[in-house]
Amino acid sequence: MKLTSWIPAHWNDRQREVWQNLDNHWQCLIGKKVEEFLKYIHPDFIGYGHESPLPVDRPWLEKWVGFWTKSTEIVICELRPIDLRFHGDDIAILQYFIFTIETNPVDRGKRVIRRYTMTWKKSSDRWVVIASHNNLMNDALHG
């Protein structure tokens, strides 16, 4: 499934490289390849997710993603970039939306829109997430 139908035409190769890592990261998640997904998460990752009122780390994320991939099917997904800025040669701040239609044992065809800010760090073979903050847009709009 193609996850991104548009990226800014003015983005350079470096920006496209970071975005491709994000796309790969989500492809692994949607494809239920948890071990591959975790290769995009730095061991010292920290963040906030809509699932938890407390900060989450890589072990928590591994547990949550393992459960989520077993209980959820993504019918369709669209990743949409908002902004991407570099800090030095090895840090990228990426803001984006992800739109999905998800099914699980409770919801049949629930529309979910999430807003993310992720901090990516260049490693030896790929960009990896070192920090992330996301929320469900329904919560943000109707909070």
Protein backbone atom coordinates (compact mmCIF):
# COMPACT_ATOMS: atom_id res chain seq x y z
CA MET A 1 0.00 0.00 0.00
CA LYS A 2 1.40 3.40 -0.97
CA LEU A 3 1.25 5.57 2.17
CA THR A 4 2.20 8.98 0.79
CA SER A 5 0.48 10.53 -2.21
CA TRP A 6 2.20 13.94 -1.96
CA ILE A 7 5.36 15.55 -0.67
CA PRO A 8 6.46 19.13 -1.33
CA ALA A 9 8.09 19.52 -4.75
CA HIS A 10 10.73 21.84 -3.27
CA TRP A 11 12.08 19.23 -0.82
CA ASN A 12 15.71 18.32 -1.39
CA ASP A 13 17.24 14.82 -1.37
CA ARG A 14 18.00 14.97 2.36
CA GLN A 15 14.42 15.85 3.25
CA ARG A 16 13.17 13.09 0.97
CA GLU A 17 15.53 10.63 2.67
CA VAL A 18 14.08 11.43 6.13
CA TRP A 19 10.54 11.18 4.76
CA GLN A 20 11.30 7.83 3.15
CA ASN A 21 12.46 6.54 6.56
CA LEU A 22 9.16 7.71 8.07
CA ASP A 23 7.23 5.99 5.28
CA ASN A 24 9.25 2.78 5.82
CA HIS A 25 8.63 3.05 9.59
CA TRP A 26 4.86 3.15 9.03
CA GLN A 27 4.99 0.42 6.35
CA CYS A 28 6.56 -1.87 8.97
CA LEU A 29 3.92 -0.97 11.53
CA ILE A 30 0.98 -1.43 9.18
CA GLY A 31 2.55 -4.63 7.86
CA LYS A 32 2.79 -5.95 11.45
CA LYS A 33 6.57 -6.24 11.23
CA VAL A 34 7.23 -5.14 14.81
CA GLU A 35 10.94 -6.07 14.84
CA GLU A 36 11.53 -4.09 11.63
CA PHE A 37 9.47 -1.17 13.01
CA LEU A 38 11.64 -1.08 16.14
CA LYS A 39 14.78 -0.64 14.01
CA TYR A 40 13.48 2.91 13.41
CA ILE A 41 13.25 3.62 17.17
CA HIS A 42 16.38 4.73 19.04
CA PRO A 43 17.12 2.73 22.24
CA ASP A 44 16.84 5.97 24.29
CA PHE A 45 13.57 7.05 22.66
CA ILE A 46 11.16 9.16 24.79
CA GLY A 47 7.82 10.63 23.87
CA TYR A 48 4.14 11.18 24.45
CA GLY A 49 1.46 9.22 22.67
CA HIS A 50 -2.30 9.57 22.68
CA GLU A 51 -2.53 6.14 24.35
CA SER A 52 -0.81 7.15 27.59
CA PRO A 53 -0.93 10.16 29.94
CA LEU A 54 2.67 9.35 30.94
CA PRO A 55 5.80 9.63 28.82
CA VAL A 56 6.55 6.46 26.87
CA ASP A 57 9.89 4.83 26.10
CA ARG A 58 11.04 2.12 23.73
CA PRO A 59 10.04 -0.86 25.97
CA TRP A 60 6.55 0.62 26.42
CA LEU A 61 6.30 1.29 22.70
CA GLU A 62 7.37 -2.26 21.89
CA LYS A 63 4.61 -3.62 24.17
CA TRP A 64 1.96 -1.26 22.80
CA VAL A 65 2.88 -1.76 19.14
CA GLY A 66 2.89 -5.53 19.64
CA PHE A 67 -0.68 -5.38 20.97
CA TRP A 68 -1.87 -2.82 18.42
CA THR A 69 -0.60 -4.80 15.42
CA LYS A 70 -2.37 -7.94 16.66
CA SER A 71 -5.70 -6.19 17.25
CA THR A 72 -5.88 -3.57 14.48
CA GLU A 73 -6.12 -3.64 10.70
CA ILE A 74 -5.39 -0.56 8.61
CA VAL A 75 -7.78 -0.44 5.66
CA ILE A 76 -6.20 2.69 4.14
CA CYS A 77 -3.56 5.17 5.23
CA GLU A 78 -2.28 8.55 4.09
CA LEU A 79 0.85 10.22 5.45
CA ARG A 80 0.91 13.97 4.86
CA PRO A 81 3.98 16.13 5.61
CA ILE A 82 3.58 19.49 7.32
CA ASP A 83 7.15 20.65 8.05
CA LEU A 84 10.68 19.23 8.15
CA ARG A 85 13.64 21.13 9.61
CA PHE A 86 17.23 20.11 10.20
CA HIS A 87 19.40 20.93 13.19
CA GLY A 88 22.97 20.23 12.19
CA ASP A 89 23.78 17.23 10.04
CA ASP A 90 22.15 14.54 12.12
CA ILE A 91 18.90 15.85 13.66
CA ALA A 92 15.59 16.36 11.81
CA ILE A 93 12.31 17.62 13.28
CA LEU A 94 9.39 16.31 11.25
CA GLN A 95 5.74 17.29 11.64
CA TYR A 96 3.04 15.39 9.80
CA PHE A 97 -0.49 14.03 9.82
CA ILE A 98 -1.49 10.42 9.39
CA PHE A 99 -5.04 9.63 8.27
CA THR A 100 -6.25 6.03 8.62
CA ILE A 101 -9.34 3.91 8.48
CA GLU A 102 -8.86 1.23 11.14
CA THR A 103 -10.79 -1.85 12.12
CA ASN A 104 -10.49 -3.82 15.34
CA PRO A 105 -12.75 -6.04 17.48
CA VAL A 106 -14.54 -2.94 18.86
CA ASP A 107 -14.61 -0.54 15.90
CA ARG A 108 -15.53 -1.41 12.32
CA GLY A 109 -14.11 1.25 10.05
CA LYS A 110 -13.15 3.99 12.52
CA ARG A 111 -11.56 7.10 10.99
CA VAL A 112 -8.45 8.15 12.91
CA ILE A 113 -6.41 11.31 12.34
CA ARG A 114 -3.19 11.74 14.31
CA ARG A 115 -0.86 14.72 14.43
CA TYR A 116 2.83 14.00 15.05
CA THR A 117 6.03 15.84 15.81
CA MET A 118 8.99 13.48 15.62
CA THR A 119 12.68 14.08 16.19
CA TRP A 120 14.85 11.87 14.00
CA LYS A 121 18.60 11.26 14.40
CA LYS A 122 20.86 9.99 11.63
CA SER A 123 22.38 6.63 12.55
CA SER A 124 24.91 4.63 10.56
CA ASP A 125 22.31 3.01 8.27
CA ARG A 126 19.07 4.99 8.65
CA TRP A 127 17.28 7.81 10.43
CA VAL A 128 15.82 6.73 13.80
CA VAL A 129 13.23 8.35 16.06
CA ILE A 130 14.66 9.75 19.32
CA ALA A 131 11.55 11.67 20.44
CA SER A 132 7.91 11.84 19.43
CA HIS A 133 4.71 13.55 20.47
CA ASN A 134 1.36 12.72 18.94
CA ASN A 135 -2.29 13.26 19.63
CA LEU A 136 -5.59 12.29 18.09
CA MET A 137 -7.04 15.21 16.19
CA ASN A 138 -10.53 14.65 17.62
CA ASP A 139 -9.03 15.24 21.08
CA ALA A 140 -7.18 18.32 19.86
CA LEU A 141 -10.20 19.83 18.14
CA HIS A 142 -12.83 19.00 20.76
CA GLY A 143 -10.54 18.77 23.82
